[in-house]
């Protein structure tokens, strides 16, 4: 099973596996109001050449924050990522 380790600027790490679900948290600007909204869960899938990177980047390019479906009590800042390693 493919695994990646995400390194954050505070030196913490997060391990993700194929089949994990990420929930993007989107910023919505509507009628002069700003609020957050949860986007569709994204299942991490293994690309034949690039591993989990494409499915992870599908989430990170559209949101500043995300959480794991199995751990909604921790929200991560995708802009604080400094490195993603395939293991």
C-alpha atoms as a PDB file:
ATOM      1  CA  UNK A   1       0.000   0.000   0.000  1.00  0.00           C
ATOM      2  CA  UNK A   2       1.309   3.427  -0.976  1.00  0.00           C
ATOM      3  CA  UNK A   3       2.089   5.839   1.879  1.00  0.00           C
ATOM      4  CA  UNK A   4       3.150   9.495   1.913  1.00  0.00           C
ATOM      5  CA  UNK A   5       4.505  11.602   4.726  1.00  0.00           C
ATOM      6  CA  UNK A   6       3.539  15.272   4.769  1.00  0.00           C
ATOM      7  CA  UNK A   7       5.966  17.597   6.559  1.00  0.00           C
ATOM      8  CA  UNK A   8       4.599  20.853   7.976  1.00  0.00           C
ATOM      9  CA  UNK A   9       6.447  24.063   8.795  1.00  0.00           C
ATOM     10  CA  UNK A  10       6.088  23.422  12.554  1.00  0.00           C
ATOM     11  CA  UNK A  11       8.094  20.180  12.077  1.00  0.00           C
ATOM     12  CA  UNK A  12       5.041  17.941  12.586  1.00  0.00           C
ATOM     13  CA  UNK A  13       4.245  15.177  10.094  1.00  0.00           C
ATOM     14  CA  UNK A  14       1.146  13.431   8.827  1.00  0.00           C
ATOM     15  CA  UNK A  15       1.154   9.967   7.234  1.00  0.00           C
ATOM     16  CA  UNK A  16      -1.483   9.230   4.609  1.00  0.00           C
ATOM     17  CA  UNK A  17      -2.279   5.957   2.858  1.00  0.00           C
ATOM     18  CA  UNK A  18      -4.061   4.940  -0.294  1.00  0.00           C
ATOM     19  CA  UNK A  19      -7.783   4.796   0.513  1.00  0.00           C
ATOM     20  CA  UNK A  20      -7.696   7.582   3.131  1.00  0.00           C
ATOM     21  CA  UNK A  21     -10.221  10.375   2.643  1.00  0.00           C
ATOM     22  CA  UNK A  22      -9.384  14.075   2.879  1.00  0.00           C
ATOM     23  CA  UNK A  23     -12.112  16.666   3.413  1.00  0.00           C
ATOM     24  CA  UNK A  24     -11.229  20.075   1.916  1.00  0.00           C
ATOM     25  CA  UNK A  25     -12.522  23.161   3.734  1.00  0.00           C
ATOM     26  CA  UNK A  26     -13.289  25.891   1.209  1.00  0.00           C
ATOM     27  CA  UNK A  27     -13.530  29.654   1.623  1.00  0.00           C
ATOM     28  CA  UNK A  28     -16.810  30.973   0.221  1.00  0.00           C
ATOM     29  CA  UNK A  29     -17.333  34.664  -0.633  1.00  0.00           C
ATOM     30  CA  UNK A  30     -21.001  35.344  -1.229  1.00  0.00           C
ATOM     31  CA  UNK A  31     -23.148  38.471  -0.860  1.00  0.00           C
ATOM     32  CA  UNK A  32     -20.350  40.355   0.942  1.00  0.00           C
ATOM     33  CA  UNK A  33     -20.008  37.571   3.488  1.00  0.00           C
ATOM     34  CA  UNK A  34     -17.190  35.102   3.983  1.00  0.00           C
ATOM     35  CA  UNK A  35     -17.773  31.653   5.395  1.00  0.00           C
ATOM     36  CA  UNK A  36     -16.339  28.165   5.203  1.00  0.00           C
ATOM     37  CA  UNK A  37     -17.842  25.135   3.565  1.00  0.00           C
ATOM     38  CA  UNK A  38     -16.860  21.497   3.391  1.00  0.00           C
ATOM     39  CA  UNK A  39     -16.132  20.185  -0.090  1.00  0.00           C
ATOM     40  CA  UNK A  40     -16.639  16.633  -1.313  1.00  0.00           C
ATOM     41  CA  UNK A  41     -14.435  14.019   0.373  1.00  0.00           C
ATOM     42  CA  UNK A  42     -11.511  12.990  -1.800  1.00  0.00           C
ATOM     43  CA  UNK A  43     -10.251   9.415  -1.637  1.00  0.00           C
ATOM     44  CA  UNK A  44      -6.519   9.073  -2.086  1.00  0.00           C
ATOM     45  CA  UNK A  45      -5.696   6.853  -5.045  1.00  0.00           C
ATOM     46  CA  UNK A  46      -2.408   5.532  -6.340  1.00  0.00           C
ATOM     47  CA  UNK A  47      -1.215   6.900  -9.697  1.00  0.00           C
ATOM     48  CA  UNK A  48       0.859   4.330 -11.595  1.00  0.00           C
ATOM     49  CA  UNK A  49       3.885   6.673 -11.905  1.00  0.00           C
ATOM     50  CA  UNK A  50       3.388   9.397  -9.296  1.00  0.00           C
ATOM     51  CA  UNK A  51       1.885   7.511  -6.356  1.00  0.00           C
ATOM     52  CA  UNK A  52      -0.537   9.440  -4.145  1.00  0.00           C
ATOM     53  CA  UNK A  53       0.798  12.879  -5.107  1.00  0.00           C
ATOM     54  CA  UNK A  54      -1.835  13.668  -7.827  1.00  0.00           C
ATOM     55  CA  UNK A  55      -4.814  12.825  -5.612  1.00  0.00           C
ATOM     56  CA  UNK A  56      -3.349  14.755  -2.661  1.00  0.00           C
ATOM     57  CA  UNK A  57      -2.648  17.788  -4.828  1.00  0.00           C
ATOM     58  CA  UNK A  58      -6.239  17.716  -6.128  1.00  0.00           C
ATOM     59  CA  UNK A  59      -7.238  18.657  -2.572  1.00  0.00           C
ATOM     60  CA  UNK A  60      -4.434  21.068  -1.680  1.00  0.00           C
ATOM     61  CA  UNK A  61      -4.694  23.281  -4.759  1.00  0.00           C
ATOM     62  CA  UNK A  62      -8.271  24.258  -3.948  1.00  0.00           C
ATOM     63  CA  UNK A  63      -8.248  24.792  -0.190  1.00  0.00           C
ATOM     64  CA  UNK A  64      -6.274  26.326   2.659  1.00  0.00           C
ATOM     65  CA  UNK A  65      -7.498  23.820   5.238  1.00  0.00           C
ATOM     66  CA  UNK A  66      -8.442  20.147   5.311  1.00  0.00           C
ATOM     67  CA  UNK A  67      -9.051  17.300   7.701  1.00  0.00           C
ATOM     68  CA  UNK A  68      -9.060  13.517   7.583  1.00  0.00           C
ATOM     69  CA  UNK A  69     -12.465  11.868   7.357  1.00  0.00           C
ATOM     70  CA  UNK A  70     -11.554   9.544  10.229  1.00  0.00           C
ATOM     71  CA  UNK A  71     -10.307  12.451  12.426  1.00  0.00           C
ATOM     72  CA  UNK A  72     -12.551  15.533  12.138  1.00  0.00           C
ATOM     73  CA  UNK A  73     -11.141  16.970  15.383  1.00  0.00           C
ATOM     74  CA  UNK A  74      -7.852  18.023  13.761  1.00  0.00           C
ATOM     75  CA  UNK A  75      -7.788  20.552  10.930  1.00  0.00           C
ATOM     76  CA  UNK A  76      -4.572  21.016   8.933  1.00  0.00           C
ATOM     77  CA  UNK A  77      -3.361  24.069   7.000  1.00  0.00           C
ATOM     78  CA  UNK A  78      -2.345  23.013   3.504  1.00  0.00           C
ATOM     79  CA  UNK A  79      -0.303  26.220   3.078  1.00  0.00           C
ATOM     80  CA  UNK A  80       1.977  25.092   5.944  1.00  0.00           C
ATOM     81  CA  UNK A  81       3.204  22.048   3.999  1.00  0.00           C
ATOM     82  CA  UNK A  82       6.915  22.208   3.238  1.00  0.00           C
ATOM     83  CA  UNK A  83       7.463  18.716   1.794  1.00  0.00           C
ATOM     84  CA  UNK A  84       5.569  15.583   0.713  1.00  0.00           C
ATOM     85  CA  UNK A  85       7.522  12.321   0.641  1.00  0.00           C
ATOM     86  CA  UNK A  86       6.478   9.050  -0.956  1.00  0.00           C
ATOM     87  CA  UNK A  87       7.423   6.082   1.223  1.00  0.00           C
END
